[in-house]
Amino acid sequence: MIQDQEWVPASELLGVGGLPTSLAGLHKRARNEGWEKRSVTTPGVRGRAFAYRLQDLPEHVAAIVSGQLQTATKPSNKASKANELMKIMDSLSEQEKEIVIHTLKRKGVEKLLEFCSQENQELISLTGIRRLAALSLNNLSEQKVREILAGNEAEADLIQLTNKSASI
């Protein structure tokens, strides 16, 4: 599991707290957000693996991982799951707590589970220009979005034709 509490192996961060579920996606987000990393060797495993500094992770992820660090030696049971959930709730701001509680009261767990879908997690993990682009598309009319996407498809077709003719 986690041997040094200051560093967390990338493989243990996959999908935690909305982080990407693939190593490539996780490494890309870490690079974009400037997380410090170090190379880690695992006996019997070939290739490189990385661990990220706990302090560089987003606060909610660090809270989740810290909870795992503290309970890593304890057997999993309902009480420990409830404690983990409470630690996550405690790490939220008052406004975030109100939003979570309101959502659970009004929409129930079903809505929360729907929110945790792979597609939504990918949208949540967007940063920088990709996040701005997604938000901008969301504010446009459906017709305008279709026009933009049609333009992108035409441009992609043109690039493919150019690449094919260049390789001939």
N, C-alpha and C. Protein backbone atom coordinates (compact mmCIF):
# COMPACT_ATOMS: atom_id res chain seq x y z
N MET A 1 0.85 -1.19 0.00
CA MET A 1 0.00 0.00 0.00
C MET A 1 0.88 1.23 0.00
N ILE A 2 0.55 2.25 0.78
CA ILE A 2 1.31 3.48 0.81
C ILE A 2 2.32 3.39 1.93
N GLN A 3 3.60 3.48 1.56
CA GLN A 3 4.64 3.31 2.56
C GLN A 3 5.11 4.64 3.11
N ASP A 4 5.21 5.65 2.30
CA ASP A 4 5.67 6.96 2.72
C ASP A 4 4.47 7.89 2.65
N GLN A 5 4.04 8.43 3.79
CA GLN A 5 2.81 9.21 3.82
C GLN A 5 2.90 10.53 3.07
N GLU A 6 4.10 10.95 2.71
CA GLU A 6 4.24 12.19 1.97
C GLU A 6 4.01 11.97 0.47
N TRP A 7 4.21 10.76 -0.03
CA TRP A 7 4.10 10.44 -1.45
C TRP A 7 3.03 9.39 -1.67
N VAL A 8 2.24 9.56 -2.73
CA VAL A 8 1.17 8.62 -3.05
C VAL A 8 1.39 8.08 -4.46
N PRO A 9 1.47 6.75 -4.61
CA PRO A 9 1.64 6.17 -5.94
C PRO A 9 0.49 6.57 -6.87
N ALA A 10 0.82 6.85 -8.11
CA ALA A 10 -0.18 7.26 -9.09
C ALA A 10 -1.28 6.21 -9.22
N SER A 11 -0.91 4.94 -9.14
CA SER A 11 -1.90 3.87 -9.30
C SER A 11 -2.98 3.91 -8.22
N GLU A 12 -2.66 4.49 -7.06
CA GLU A 12 -3.64 4.56 -5.98
C GLU A 12 -4.50 5.82 -6.05
N LEU A 13 -4.21 6.69 -7.00
CA LEU A 13 -4.98 7.92 -7.16
C LEU A 13 -6.03 7.82 -8.26
N LEU A 14 -5.98 6.76 -9.05
CA LEU A 14 -6.89 6.62 -10.20
C LEU A 14 -8.35 6.66 -9.75
N GLY A 15 -9.09 7.64 -10.28
CA GLY A 15 -10.51 7.74 -9.99
C GLY A 15 -10.87 8.29 -8.62
N VAL A 16 -9.90 8.61 -7.79
CA VAL A 16 -10.18 9.10 -6.44
C VAL A 16 -10.63 10.55 -6.51
N GLY A 17 -11.78 10.84 -5.94
CA GLY A 17 -12.26 12.22 -5.85
C GLY A 17 -12.40 12.94 -7.18
N GLY A 18 -12.74 12.20 -8.24
CA GLY A 18 -12.92 12.83 -9.54
C GLY A 18 -11.67 12.93 -10.38
N LEU A 19 -10.57 12.35 -9.91
CA LEU A 19 -9.35 12.34 -10.72
C LEU A 19 -9.55 11.40 -11.91
N PRO A 20 -8.77 11.57 -12.97
CA PRO A 20 -8.89 10.67 -14.13
C PRO A 20 -8.71 9.20 -13.74
N THR A 21 -9.33 8.33 -14.52
CA THR A 21 -9.28 6.90 -14.22
C THR A 21 -8.18 6.18 -14.98
N SER A 22 -7.45 6.90 -15.82
CA SER A 22 -6.33 6.28 -16.54
C SER A 22 -5.03 6.94 -16.08
N LEU A 23 -3.94 6.18 -16.14
CA LEU A 23 -2.64 6.74 -15.74
C LEU A 23 -2.25 7.91 -16.64
N ALA A 24 -2.51 7.78 -17.94
CA ALA A 24 -2.15 8.86 -18.86
C ALA A 24 -2.90 10.14 -18.50
N GLY A 25 -4.19 10.01 -18.22
CA GLY A 25 -4.99 11.17 -17.83
C GLY A 25 -4.53 11.78 -16.52
N LEU A 26 -4.18 10.91 -15.58
CA LEU A 26 -3.70 11.38 -14.28
C LEU A 26 -2.38 12.12 -14.43
N HIS A 27 -1.45 11.56 -15.20
CA HIS A 27 -0.15 12.21 -15.40
C HIS A 27 -0.33 13.56 -16.11
N LYS A 28 -1.26 13.62 -17.06
CA LYS A 28 -1.51 14.87 -17.78
C LYS A 28 -2.04 15.93 -16.82
N ARG A 29 -3.00 15.55 -15.98
CA ARG A 29 -3.55 16.51 -15.02
C ARG A 29 -2.47 16.96 -14.03
N ALA A 30 -1.66 16.01 -13.58
CA ALA A 30 -0.58 16.35 -12.65
C ALA A 30 0.40 17.34 -13.28
N ARG A 31 0.72 17.11 -14.54
CA ARG A 31 1.64 18.01 -15.25
C ARG A 31 1.01 19.40 -15.41
N ASN A 32 -0.27 19.44 -15.78
CA ASN A 32 -0.96 20.72 -15.96
C ASN A 32 -1.07 21.51 -14.66
N GLU A 33 -1.24 20.80 -13.55
CA GLU A 33 -1.42 21.47 -12.26
C GLU A 33 -0.12 21.59 -11.47
N GLY A 34 0.98 21.08 -12.03
CA GLY A 34 2.29 21.25 -11.41
C GLY A 34 2.53 20.43 -10.16
N TRP A 35 1.98 19.22 -10.10
CA TRP A 35 2.22 18.36 -8.94
C TRP A 35 3.66 17.85 -8.99
N GLU A 36 4.31 17.83 -7.84
CA GLU A 36 5.66 17.28 -7.78
C GLU A 36 5.57 15.76 -7.80
N LYS A 37 6.47 15.13 -8.55
CA LYS A 37 6.45 13.67 -8.64
C LYS A 37 7.85 13.13 -8.45
N ARG A 38 7.91 11.85 -8.14
CA ARG A 38 9.19 11.15 -8.08
C ARG A 38 8.99 9.75 -8.63
N SER A 39 10.06 9.21 -9.15
CA SER A 39 10.02 7.87 -9.71
C SER A 39 10.03 6.85 -8.58
N VAL A 40 9.24 5.80 -8.73
CA VAL A 40 9.13 4.77 -7.70
C VAL A 40 9.35 3.42 -8.36
N THR A 41 10.14 2.57 -7.74
CA THR A 41 10.33 1.22 -8.27
C THR A 41 9.51 0.25 -7.44
N THR A 42 8.87 -0.67 -8.13
CA THR A 42 8.07 -1.69 -7.47
C THR A 42 8.71 -3.04 -7.78
N PRO A 43 9.06 -3.80 -6.76
CA PRO A 43 9.69 -5.11 -7.00
C PRO A 43 8.81 -6.00 -7.87
N GLY A 44 9.42 -6.59 -8.89
CA GLY A 44 8.71 -7.50 -9.77
C GLY A 44 7.95 -6.82 -10.89
N VAL A 45 7.99 -5.49 -10.94
CA VAL A 45 7.27 -4.76 -11.99
C VAL A 45 8.29 -4.02 -12.84
N ARG A 46 8.17 -4.20 -14.16
CA ARG A 46 9.09 -3.52 -15.07
C ARG A 46 8.54 -2.15 -15.42
N GLY A 47 9.43 -1.26 -15.77
CA GLY A 47 9.02 0.08 -16.18
C GLY A 47 9.02 1.06 -15.03
N ARG A 48 8.65 2.30 -15.38
CA ARG A 48 8.65 3.36 -14.38
C ARG A 48 7.25 3.55 -13.79
N ALA A 49 7.24 3.90 -12.55
CA ALA A 49 6.00 4.29 -11.89
C ALA A 49 6.30 5.58 -11.14
N PHE A 50 5.27 6.37 -10.92
CA PHE A 50 5.46 7.64 -10.24
C PHE A 50 4.60 7.73 -9.00
N ALA A 51 5.08 8.52 -8.07
CA ALA A 51 4.31 8.88 -6.88
C ALA A 51 4.24 10.40 -6.85
N TYR A 52 3.11 10.92 -6.37
CA TYR A 52 2.93 12.36 -6.31
C TYR A 52 2.90 12.82 -4.85
N ARG A 53 3.41 14.03 -4.64
CA ARG A 53 3.45 14.60 -3.29
C ARG A 53 2.02 14.87 -2.82
N LEU A 54 1.69 14.37 -1.65
CA LEU A 54 0.35 14.50 -1.08
C LEU A 54 -0.08 15.96 -0.99
N GLN A 55 0.84 16.85 -0.65
CA GLN A 55 0.53 18.27 -0.48
C GLN A 55 0.13 18.94 -1.79
N ASP A 56 0.54 18.39 -2.93
CA ASP A 56 0.25 19.00 -4.23
C ASP A 56 -1.12 18.60 -4.78
N LEU A 57 -1.71 17.56 -4.21
CA LEU A 57 -3.00 17.07 -4.70
C LEU A 57 -4.11 18.05 -4.32
N PRO A 58 -5.24 18.04 -5.06
CA PRO A 58 -6.38 18.87 -4.65
C PRO A 58 -6.79 18.51 -3.22
N GLU A 59 -7.30 19.49 -2.48
CA GLU A 59 -7.60 19.30 -1.06
C GLU A 59 -8.52 18.11 -0.80
N HIS A 60 -9.60 17.99 -1.59
CA HIS A 60 -10.55 16.91 -1.34
C HIS A 60 -9.91 15.54 -1.61
N VAL A 61 -9.03 15.46 -2.59
CA VAL A 61 -8.35 14.20 -2.89
C VAL A 61 -7.37 13.87 -1.76
N ALA A 62 -6.63 14.88 -1.30
CA ALA A 62 -5.69 14.67 -0.19
C ALA A 62 -6.43 14.19 1.05
N ALA A 63 -7.63 14.74 1.30
CA ALA A 63 -8.42 14.32 2.46
C ALA A 63 -8.83 12.85 2.33
N ILE A 64 -9.24 12.47 1.13
CA ILE A 64 -9.64 11.07 0.91
C ILE A 64 -8.44 10.15 1.09
N VAL A 65 -7.33 10.51 0.46
CA VAL A 65 -6.12 9.68 0.53
C VAL A 65 -5.60 9.62 1.96
N SER A 66 -5.63 10.73 2.67
CA SER A 66 -5.18 10.74 4.07
C SER A 66 -6.03 9.81 4.91
N GLY A 67 -7.34 9.80 4.63
CA GLY A 67 -8.22 8.88 5.33
C GLY A 67 -7.86 7.44 5.05
N GLN A 68 -7.46 7.15 3.79
CA GLN A 68 -7.03 5.81 3.44
C GLN A 68 -5.72 5.46 4.13
N LEU A 69 -4.85 6.46 4.26
CA LEU A 69 -3.57 6.22 4.94
C LEU A 69 -3.80 5.82 6.38
N GLN A 70 -4.71 6.52 7.05
CA GLN A 70 -4.95 6.26 8.46
C GLN A 70 -5.67 4.94 8.68
N THR A 71 -6.52 4.55 7.73
CA THR A 71 -7.29 3.32 7.91
C THR A 71 -6.72 2.16 7.10
N ALA A 72 -5.53 2.32 6.54
CA ALA A 72 -4.96 1.29 5.68
C ALA A 72 -4.75 -0.02 6.42
N THR A 73 -4.49 0.03 7.70
CA THR A 73 -4.23 -1.20 8.45
C THR A 73 -5.50 -1.77 9.07
N LYS A 74 -6.60 -1.03 9.01
CA LYS A 74 -7.84 -1.49 9.62
C LYS A 74 -8.67 -2.27 8.59
N PRO A 75 -9.39 -3.29 9.02
CA PRO A 75 -10.26 -4.00 8.10
C PRO A 75 -11.43 -3.11 7.68
N SER A 76 -11.89 -3.31 6.45
CA SER A 76 -13.00 -2.51 5.93
C SER A 76 -14.31 -2.97 6.54
N ASN A 77 -15.11 -2.05 7.03
CA ASN A 77 -16.44 -2.36 7.53
C ASN A 77 -17.32 -1.13 7.38
N LYS A 78 -18.60 -1.27 7.75
CA LYS A 78 -19.54 -0.16 7.57
C LYS A 78 -19.12 1.07 8.36
N ALA A 79 -18.61 0.87 9.57
CA ALA A 79 -18.21 2.00 10.40
C ALA A 79 -17.06 2.77 9.76
N SER A 80 -16.09 2.05 9.19
CA SER A 80 -14.96 2.75 8.58
C SER A 80 -15.40 3.49 7.31
N LYS A 81 -16.37 2.94 6.58
CA LYS A 81 -16.91 3.64 5.40
C LYS A 81 -17.63 4.92 5.84
N ALA A 82 -18.38 4.83 6.93
CA ALA A 82 -19.08 6.01 7.44
C ALA A 82 -18.06 7.05 7.91
N ASN A 83 -17.00 6.60 8.57
CA ASN A 83 -15.95 7.52 9.01
C ASN A 83 -15.29 8.19 7.82
N GLU A 84 -15.03 7.42 6.77
CA GLU A 84 -14.41 7.97 5.57
C GLU A 84 -15.31 9.04 4.95
N LEU A 85 -16.61 8.75 4.89
CA LEU A 85 -17.56 9.72 4.36
C LEU A 85 -17.59 10.99 5.21
N MET A 86 -17.54 10.82 6.52
CA MET A 86 -17.54 11.99 7.41
C MET A 86 -16.27 12.81 7.25
N LYS A 87 -15.14 12.16 7.04
CA LYS A 87 -13.88 12.89 6.83
C LYS A 87 -13.95 13.71 5.55
N ILE A 88 -14.55 13.12 4.52
CA ILE A 88 -14.71 13.85 3.26
C ILE A 88 -15.62 15.06 3.49
N MET A 89 -16.74 14.85 4.17
CA MET A 89 -17.66 15.95 4.44
C MET A 89 -16.98 17.04 5.27
N ASP A 90 -16.18 16.64 6.25
CA ASP A 90 -15.47 17.61 7.10
C ASP A 90 -14.47 18.44 6.30
N SER A 91 -13.95 17.87 5.22
CA SER A 91 -12.96 18.60 4.42
C SER A 91 -13.60 19.64 3.50
N LEU A 92 -14.93 19.60 3.36
CA LEU A 92 -15.63 20.54 2.49
C LEU A 92 -15.88 21.88 3.19
N SER A 93 -16.01 22.92 2.39
CA SER A 93 -16.39 24.23 2.94
C SER A 93 -17.87 24.16 3.33
N GLU A 94 -18.33 25.14 4.08
CA GLU A 94 -19.74 25.17 4.50
C GLU A 94 -20.66 25.23 3.28
N GLN A 95 -20.29 26.02 2.30
CA GLN A 95 -21.11 26.13 1.09
C GLN A 95 -21.17 24.79 0.35
N GLU A 96 -20.03 24.10 0.25
CA GLU A 96 -20.01 22.80 -0.43
C GLU A 96 -20.85 21.78 0.34
N LYS A 97 -20.78 21.81 1.67
CA LYS A 97 -21.60 20.91 2.48
C LYS A 97 -23.08 21.15 2.22
N GLU A 98 -23.48 22.42 2.18
CA GLU A 98 -24.88 22.76 1.93
C GLU A 98 -25.34 22.24 0.57
N ILE A 99 -24.48 22.36 -0.44
CA ILE A 99 -24.83 21.89 -1.78
C ILE A 99 -25.00 20.37 -1.78
N VAL A 100 -24.07 19.66 -1.15
CA VAL A 100 -24.15 18.19 -1.10
C VAL A 100 -25.41 17.75 -0.37
N ILE A 101 -25.68 18.34 0.78
CA ILE A 101 -26.85 17.96 1.57
C ILE A 101 -28.14 18.30 0.81
N HIS A 102 -28.19 19.47 0.20
CA HIS A 102 -29.36 19.87 -0.58
C HIS A 102 -29.60 18.90 -1.73
N THR A 103 -28.54 18.54 -2.44
CA THR A 103 -28.67 17.62 -3.57
C THR A 103 -29.18 16.26 -3.10
N LEU A 104 -28.62 15.77 -2.00
CA LEU A 104 -29.07 14.47 -1.49
C LEU A 104 -30.53 14.52 -1.03
N LYS A 105 -30.92 15.61 -0.38
CA LYS A 105 -32.30 15.73 0.09
C LYS A 105 -33.28 15.83 -1.08
N ARG A 106 -32.95 16.66 -2.08
CA ARG A 106 -33.87 16.92 -3.18
C ARG A 106 -33.85 15.82 -4.23
N LYS A 107 -32.67 15.31 -4.54
CA LYS A 107 -32.54 14.38 -5.66
C LYS A 107 -32.24 12.96 -5.24
N GLY A 108 -31.72 12.77 -4.05
CA GLY A 108 -31.43 11.44 -3.55
C GLY A 108 -30.12 10.87 -4.05
N VAL A 109 -29.84 9.68 -3.62
CA VAL A 109 -28.58 9.01 -3.95
C VAL A 109 -28.51 8.69 -5.43
N GLU A 110 -29.67 8.42 -6.05
CA GLU A 110 -29.68 8.11 -7.48
C GLU A 110 -29.03 9.21 -8.30
N LYS A 111 -29.36 10.45 -7.98
CA LYS A 111 -28.79 11.59 -8.69
C LYS A 111 -27.29 11.69 -8.42
N LEU A 112 -26.89 11.41 -7.19
CA LEU A 112 -25.47 11.44 -6.85
C LEU A 112 -24.71 10.38 -7.64
N LEU A 113 -25.27 9.18 -7.75
CA LEU A 113 -24.63 8.11 -8.51
C LEU A 113 -24.58 8.45 -10.00
N GLU A 114 -25.64 9.08 -10.50
CA GLU A 114 -25.65 9.52 -11.90
C GLU A 114 -24.53 10.54 -12.12
N PHE A 115 -24.36 11.42 -11.14
CA PHE A 115 -23.31 12.44 -11.21
C PHE A 115 -21.93 11.80 -11.27
N CYS A 116 -21.79 10.63 -10.68
CA CYS A 116 -20.49 9.94 -10.62
C CYS A 116 -20.19 9.12 -11.87
N SER A 117 -21.01 9.25 -12.90
CA SER A 117 -20.78 8.49 -14.13
C SER A 117 -19.45 8.86 -14.76
N GLN A 118 -18.93 7.98 -15.58
CA GLN A 118 -17.63 8.20 -16.24
C GLN A 118 -17.64 9.49 -17.05
N GLU A 119 -18.72 9.73 -17.78
CA GLU A 119 -18.80 10.94 -18.61
C GLU A 119 -18.74 12.20 -17.76
N ASN A 120 -19.49 12.22 -16.66
CA ASN A 120 -19.47 13.39 -15.78
C ASN A 120 -18.11 13.57 -15.13
N GLN A 121 -17.47 12.48 -14.75
CA GLN A 121 -16.15 12.59 -14.13
C GLN A 121 -15.13 13.16 -15.12
N GLU A 122 -15.25 12.80 -16.38
CA GLU A 122 -14.36 13.36 -17.40
C GLU A 122 -14.59 14.86 -17.55
N LEU A 123 -15.86 15.27 -17.52
CA LEU A 123 -16.17 16.70 -17.61
C LEU A 123 -15.62 17.45 -16.39
N ILE A 124 -15.75 16.86 -15.23
CA ILE A 124 -15.27 17.49 -14.00
C ILE A 124 -13.76 17.65 -14.04
N SER A 125 -13.07 16.69 -14.63
CA SER A 125 -11.61 16.72 -14.62
C SER A 125 -11.01 17.69 -15.65
N LEU A 126 -11.85 18.31 -16.49
CA LEU A 126 -11.33 19.26 -17.47
C LEU A 126 -10.70 20.46 -16.77
N THR A 127 -9.58 20.92 -17.30
CA THR A 127 -8.92 22.10 -16.75
C THR A 127 -8.53 23.03 -17.89
N GLY A 128 -8.21 24.24 -17.54
CA GLY A 128 -7.66 25.20 -18.49
C GLY A 128 -8.58 25.48 -19.67
N ILE A 129 -7.99 25.51 -20.84
CA ILE A 129 -8.71 25.89 -22.06
C ILE A 129 -9.82 24.90 -22.41
N ARG A 130 -9.61 23.63 -22.10
CA ARG A 130 -10.65 22.63 -22.38
C ARG A 130 -11.90 22.89 -21.52
N ARG A 131 -11.69 23.27 -20.27
CA ARG A 131 -12.81 23.58 -19.38
C ARG A 131 -13.56 24.81 -19.90
N LEU A 132 -12.80 25.84 -20.29
CA LEU A 132 -13.43 27.05 -20.83
C LEU A 132 -14.21 26.76 -22.10
N ALA A 133 -13.66 25.90 -22.96
CA ALA A 133 -14.35 25.53 -24.20
C ALA A 133 -15.66 24.81 -23.90
N ALA A 134 -15.62 23.87 -22.96
CA ALA A 134 -16.84 23.12 -22.61
C ALA A 134 -17.89 24.06 -22.02
N LEU A 135 -17.48 24.96 -21.14
CA LEU A 135 -18.43 25.91 -20.56
C LEU A 135 -18.99 26.85 -21.62
N SER A 136 -18.14 27.27 -22.55
CA SER A 136 -18.60 28.15 -23.63
C SER A 136 -19.62 27.44 -24.52
N LEU A 137 -19.35 26.19 -24.86
CA LEU A 137 -20.29 25.42 -25.68
C LEU A 137 -21.63 25.27 -24.96
N ASN A 138 -21.58 25.10 -23.66
CA ASN A 138 -22.80 24.93 -22.87
C ASN A 138 -23.68 26.18 -22.93
N ASN A 139 -23.08 27.34 -23.09
CA ASN A 139 -23.84 28.59 -23.11
C ASN A 139 -24.39 28.96 -24.48
N LEU A 140 -24.01 28.21 -25.51
CA LEU A 140 -24.46 28.49 -26.87
C LEU A 140 -25.76 27.75 -27.18
N SER A 141 -26.47 28.23 -28.19
CA SER A 141 -27.68 27.53 -28.63
C SER A 141 -27.28 26.21 -29.27
N GLU A 142 -28.23 25.29 -29.32
CA GLU A 142 -27.96 23.98 -29.91
C GLU A 142 -27.57 24.12 -31.38
N GLN A 143 -28.22 25.03 -32.10
CA GLN A 143 -27.92 25.25 -33.51
C GLN A 143 -26.48 25.72 -33.69
N LYS A 144 -26.03 26.66 -32.86
CA LYS A 144 -24.67 27.19 -32.96
C LYS A 144 -23.64 26.09 -32.67
N VAL A 145 -23.92 25.24 -31.69
CA VAL A 145 -23.02 24.13 -31.37
C VAL A 145 -22.91 23.19 -32.56
N ARG A 146 -24.05 22.90 -33.20
CA ARG A 146 -24.04 22.03 -34.39
C ARG A 146 -23.19 22.63 -35.50
N GLU A 147 -23.30 23.95 -35.71
CA GLU A 147 -22.51 24.62 -36.73
C GLU A 147 -21.01 24.50 -36.44
N ILE A 148 -20.65 24.72 -35.19
CA ILE A 148 -19.24 24.64 -34.80
C ILE A 148 -18.71 23.22 -35.01
N LEU A 149 -19.48 22.24 -34.55
CA LEU A 149 -19.04 20.85 -34.70
C LEU A 149 -18.97 20.44 -36.16
N ALA A 150 -19.90 20.91 -36.98
CA ALA A 150 -19.87 20.60 -38.42
C ALA A 150 -18.62 21.21 -39.04
N GLY A 151 -18.26 22.42 -38.64
CA GLY A 151 -17.04 23.07 -39.13
C GLY A 151 -15.80 22.29 -38.74
N ASN A 152 -15.79 21.77 -37.52
CA ASN A 152 -14.65 20.97 -37.05
C ASN A 152 -14.53 19.67 -37.83
N GLU A 153 -15.68 19.05 -38.15
CA GLU A 153 -15.65 17.80 -38.92
C GLU A 153 -15.10 18.06 -40.32
N ALA A 154 -15.53 19.16 -40.94
CA ALA A 154 -15.04 19.51 -42.28
C ALA A 154 -13.54 19.77 -42.24
N GLU A 155 -13.08 20.45 -41.21
CA GLU A 155 -11.65 20.73 -41.06
C GLU A 155 -10.86 19.44 -40.86
N ALA A 156 -11.41 18.51 -40.07
CA ALA A 156 -10.74 17.23 -39.83
C ALA A 156 -10.64 16.43 -41.13
N ASP A 157 -11.71 16.45 -41.95
CA ASP A 157 -11.69 15.76 -43.24
C ASP A 157 -10.61 16.35 -44.15
N LEU A 158 -10.49 17.68 -44.15
CA LEU A 158 -9.49 18.35 -44.97
C LEU A 158 -8.08 17.97 -44.52
N ILE A 159 -7.86 17.90 -43.23
CA ILE A 159 -6.54 17.51 -42.69
C ILE A 159 -6.21 16.08 -43.11
N GLN A 160 -7.21 15.18 -43.04
CA GLN A 160 -6.98 13.79 -43.46
C GLN A 160 -6.60 13.72 -44.93
N LEU A 161 -7.30 14.47 -45.77
CA LEU A 161 -6.99 14.48 -47.20
C LEU A 161 -5.58 15.02 -47.44
N THR A 162 -5.21 16.07 -46.73
CA THR A 162 -3.88 16.66 -46.87
C THR A 162 -2.81 15.66 -46.46
N ASN A 163 -3.04 14.95 -45.36
CA ASN A 163 -2.08 13.95 -44.89
C ASN A 163 -1.94 12.80 -45.88
N LYS A 164 -3.07 12.37 -46.47
CA LYS A 164 -3.02 11.28 -47.45
C LYS A 164 -2.24 11.70 -48.69
N SER A 165 -2.51 12.91 -49.18
CA SER A 165 -1.81 13.36 -50.39
C SER A 165 -0.34 13.61 -50.11
N ALA A 166 0.01 14.00 -48.91
CA ALA A 166 1.42 14.22 -48.56
C ALA A 166 2.18 12.91 -48.47
N SER A 167 1.49 11.83 -48.12
CA SER A 167 2.17 10.54 -47.99
C SER A 167 2.30 9.82 -49.33
N ILE A 168 1.64 10.30 -50.36
CA ILE A 168 1.69 9.65 -51.69
C ILE A 168 2.92 10.04 -52.44
